Amino acid sequence: MKQLREKKGLMSKDLITLSIFTLLYSICLFLVAGISGMIPIGFIFHAAIASIPCGIIYFYLRAKVPKKGSIMVQTLIFALIYFMVGNPVSVPIAIILGGLIAEVISASGNYMSFWKNTLGYCAVIVLTWLGFMFNMIFQKDYYMTYAVERGSSGAYVEQLINVANGPLFFVALGVTIIAAVLGALLGRKVLKKHFVKAGMV
């Protein structure tokens, strides 16, 4: 069955499924970022918070569409959404890079290995987060102008940049990785029937 599924490759119904659930995945991240980002420290940890509920969506797609190219299609859609809503170009680039890494890792387990899919998920979440952090760390003036033009106060952005360039960066990085793993485990628990049906181990 698995070989037949791989030979067929991505079909139109797979692309529809990937599109719909990637949109839900993006909305989940948007909502968490908007709520947690009300304070600077909250935004630094928004990827960690979002990675737990988003893990359910990500692993639903791994169980539903365990095919070559599925992760790249998902992350390309995700990157396009983030680009269209006006995020810095570093964010969609980081998302695509994370998707490429996740695709390679998951492919090494024939898209059936839960732990390899988990490593891939960590790559997507962490690289997405680093896409945001990149500007705060390496392009401070650009990010200040960008954020203020989008409605944030100068004081808020300055505090956000200071937090991103302090020791909390490393704390947030570690917490994001741990939270992504927890999100994967939650996804496996919630989607147990789908995992069994897909033959994922």
Protein backbone atom coordinates (compact mmCIF):
# COMPACT_ATOMS: atom_id res chain seq x y z
CA MET A 1 0.00 0.00 0.00
CA LYS A 2 2.77 2.42 0.91
CA GLN A 3 4.63 1.78 -2.36
CA LEU A 4 1.43 2.33 -4.35
CA ARG A 5 0.81 5.58 -2.47
CA GLU A 6 4.33 6.82 -3.23
CA LYS A 7 4.07 5.88 -6.92
CA LYS A 8 0.91 7.91 -7.29
CA GLY A 9 2.62 10.96 -5.86
CA LEU A 10 0.70 14.06 -4.88
CA MET A 11 -2.81 14.16 -6.32
CA SER A 12 -5.27 17.04 -6.60
CA LYS A 13 -7.06 15.98 -3.41
CA ASP A 14 -3.71 15.95 -1.58
CA LEU A 15 -2.98 19.50 -2.75
CA ILE A 16 -6.42 20.64 -1.58
CA THR A 17 -5.86 19.01 1.82
CA LEU A 18 -2.41 20.58 2.13
CA SER A 19 -3.76 24.01 1.17
CA ILE A 20 -6.70 23.97 3.59
CA PHE A 21 -4.76 22.72 6.60
CA THR A 22 -1.74 24.93 5.90
CA LEU A 23 -4.11 27.89 5.98
CA LEU A 24 -5.38 26.69 9.38
CA TYR A 25 -1.78 26.23 10.52
CA SER A 26 -1.00 29.81 9.47
CA ILE A 27 -4.08 31.21 11.19
CA CYS A 28 -3.08 29.40 14.39
CA LEU A 29 0.35 31.03 14.28
CA PHE A 30 -1.13 34.44 13.46
CA LEU A 31 -3.52 34.29 16.41
CA VAL A 32 -0.88 33.16 18.88
CA ALA A 33 1.61 35.78 17.64
CA GLY A 34 -1.04 38.49 17.88
CA ILE A 35 -2.10 37.61 21.40
CA SER A 36 1.28 36.73 22.90
CA GLY A 37 2.91 39.61 21.03
CA MET A 38 1.01 42.13 23.12
CA ILE A 39 4.15 42.16 25.23
CA PRO A 40 7.72 41.90 23.83
CA ILE A 41 8.67 38.79 25.81
CA GLY A 42 5.48 37.13 24.65
CA PHE A 43 6.40 37.60 21.01
CA ILE A 44 9.83 36.07 21.55
CA PHE A 45 8.06 32.92 22.79
CA HIS A 46 5.16 32.95 20.31
CA ALA A 47 6.59 30.13 18.16
CA ALA A 48 7.00 27.94 21.24
CA ILE A 49 3.39 28.55 22.28
CA ALA A 50 2.00 28.04 18.77
CA SER A 51 4.04 24.90 18.10
CA ILE A 52 1.87 22.88 20.49
CA PRO A 53 -1.55 23.35 18.80
CA CYS A 54 0.10 23.59 15.37
CA GLY A 55 1.65 20.18 16.00
CA ILE A 56 -1.80 18.62 15.68
CA ILE A 57 -2.29 20.17 12.23
CA TYR A 58 1.24 19.36 11.05
CA PHE A 59 0.98 15.71 12.06
CA TYR A 60 -2.50 15.36 10.63
CA LEU A 61 -0.95 16.28 7.28
CA ARG A 62 1.93 13.85 7.76
CA ALA A 63 -0.56 11.04 8.44
CA LYS A 64 -3.01 12.12 5.74
CA VAL A 65 -0.46 12.90 3.01
CA PRO A 66 2.72 10.88 3.69
CA LYS A 67 4.09 11.49 0.21
CA LYS A 68 7.22 12.90 -1.38
CA GLY A 69 7.01 16.66 -1.76
CA SER A 70 4.12 17.10 0.67
CA ILE A 71 6.20 19.03 3.20
CA MET A 72 7.70 21.31 0.56
CA VAL A 73 4.26 22.08 -0.85
CA GLN A 74 2.98 22.80 2.65
CA THR A 75 5.86 25.11 3.54
CA LEU A 76 5.77 26.87 0.16
CA ILE A 77 2.11 27.71 0.76
CA PHE A 78 2.95 28.75 4.31
CA ALA A 79 5.81 30.97 3.09
CA LEU A 80 3.59 32.55 0.43
CA ILE A 81 0.93 33.40 3.01
CA TYR A 82 3.51 35.01 5.29
CA PHE A 83 4.98 36.94 2.35
CA MET A 84 1.58 38.19 1.20
CA VAL A 85 0.66 39.56 4.62
CA GLY A 86 3.79 41.70 4.58
CA ASN A 87 6.34 39.90 6.73
CA PRO A 88 10.06 40.59 6.11
CA VAL A 89 11.48 38.46 3.30
CA SER A 90 13.71 36.63 5.79
CA VAL A 91 10.62 34.91 7.21
CA PRO A 92 9.38 33.15 4.03
CA ILE A 93 12.98 32.29 3.12
CA ALA A 94 13.48 30.71 6.55
CA ILE A 95 10.18 28.81 6.22
CA ILE A 96 11.22 27.37 2.85
CA LEU A 97 14.62 26.40 4.23
CA GLY A 98 12.92 24.69 7.19
CA GLY A 99 10.62 22.87 4.79
CA LEU A 100 13.55 21.65 2.71
CA ILE A 101 15.30 20.31 5.80
CA ALA A 102 12.08 18.69 7.06
CA GLU A 103 11.46 17.10 3.66
CA VAL A 104 14.91 15.51 3.63
CA ILE A 105 14.61 14.25 7.21
CA SER A 106 11.11 12.82 6.74
CA ALA A 107 12.04 11.27 3.39
CA SER A 108 14.85 9.36 5.11
CA GLY A 109 12.13 7.62 7.11
CA ASN A 110 9.83 7.19 4.10
CA TYR A 111 7.52 9.74 5.77
CA MET A 112 6.47 6.97 8.18
CA SER A 113 8.85 7.58 11.08
CA PHE A 114 7.21 9.57 13.85
CA TRP A 115 10.52 10.74 15.30
CA LYS A 116 11.97 11.77 11.96
CA ASN A 117 8.78 13.67 11.24
CA THR A 118 9.18 15.25 14.66
CA LEU A 119 12.71 16.40 13.82
CA GLY A 120 11.33 17.82 10.60
CA TYR A 121 8.62 19.66 12.49
CA CYS A 122 11.21 21.12 14.84
CA ALA A 123 13.16 22.37 11.81
CA VAL A 124 10.08 24.11 10.38
CA ILE A 125 9.09 25.73 13.67
CA VAL A 126 12.59 26.82 14.68
CA LEU A 127 13.53 28.17 11.23
CA THR A 128 10.26 30.11 11.05
CA TRP A 129 11.04 31.67 14.42
CA LEU A 130 14.62 32.43 13.41
CA GLY A 131 13.28 34.19 10.34
CA PHE A 132 11.72 36.75 12.66
CA MET A 133 14.69 36.92 14.99
CA PHE A 134 17.10 37.52 12.08
CA ASN A 135 15.85 41.06 11.51
CA MET A 136 15.76 41.92 15.19
CA ILE A 137 19.37 40.83 15.58
CA PHE A 138 21.07 41.65 12.29
CA GLN A 139 18.89 44.42 10.83
CA LYS A 140 17.78 46.41 13.84
CA ASP A 141 17.24 49.73 12.02
CA TYR A 142 15.27 48.04 9.26
CA TYR A 143 13.11 46.15 11.75
CA MET A 144 12.46 49.29 13.78
CA THR A 145 11.24 51.12 10.67
CA TYR A 146 9.24 48.11 9.47
CA ALA A 147 7.48 47.48 12.79
CA VAL A 148 6.67 51.14 13.46
CA GLU A 149 5.21 51.53 9.96
CA ARG A 150 2.95 48.55 10.74
CA GLY A 151 1.58 50.25 13.84
CA SER A 152 3.88 49.23 16.71
CA SER A 153 5.19 51.91 19.03
CA GLY A 154 8.87 52.78 18.96
CA ALA A 155 9.21 51.93 22.66
CA TYR A 156 7.67 48.49 22.13
CA VAL A 157 9.93 47.69 19.17
CA GLU A 158 13.02 48.89 21.01
CA GLN A 159 12.19 46.65 23.97
CA LEU A 160 11.49 43.75 21.61
CA ILE A 161 14.88 44.18 19.92
CA ASN A 162 16.61 44.35 23.31
CA VAL A 163 14.93 41.14 24.45
CA ALA A 164 15.83 39.37 21.17
CA ASN A 165 19.47 40.34 21.60
CA GLY A 166 19.71 39.21 25.20
CA PRO A 167 20.02 35.86 26.99
CA LEU A 168 16.29 35.21 26.58
CA PHE A 169 17.01 34.46 22.91
CA PHE A 170 18.72 31.21 23.90
CA VAL A 171 16.04 30.40 26.46
CA ALA A 172 13.34 30.92 23.82
CA LEU A 173 15.26 28.79 21.33
CA GLY A 174 15.44 25.89 23.77
CA VAL A 175 11.81 26.26 24.82
CA THR A 176 10.71 26.37 21.17
CA ILE A 177 12.46 23.07 20.42
CA ILE A 178 10.97 21.41 23.51
CA ALA A 179 7.50 22.79 22.74
CA ALA A 180 7.71 21.52 19.15
CA VAL A 181 8.41 18.01 20.44
CA LEU A 182 5.46 18.32 22.85
CA GLY A 183 3.31 19.49 19.94
CA ALA A 184 4.35 16.41 17.97
CA LEU A 185 3.50 14.12 20.87
CA LEU A 186 0.14 15.84 21.31
CA GLY A 187 -0.53 15.46 17.61
CA ARG A 188 0.23 11.75 17.78
CA LYS A 189 -2.08 11.29 20.76
CA VAL A 190 -4.96 13.25 19.26
CA LEU A 191 -4.58 11.65 15.83
CA LYS A 192 -3.92 8.11 17.01
CA LYS A 193 -6.49 6.58 14.64
CA HIS A 194 -5.05 8.45 11.67
CA PHE A 195 -1.54 7.30 12.60
CA VAL A 196 -2.63 3.67 12.79
CA LYS A 197 -4.42 3.92 9.46
CA ALA A 198 -1.39 5.53 7.82
CA GLY A 199 0.96 2.93 9.30
CA MET A 200 3.12 5.62 10.88
CA VAL A 201 5.52 4.44 13.61
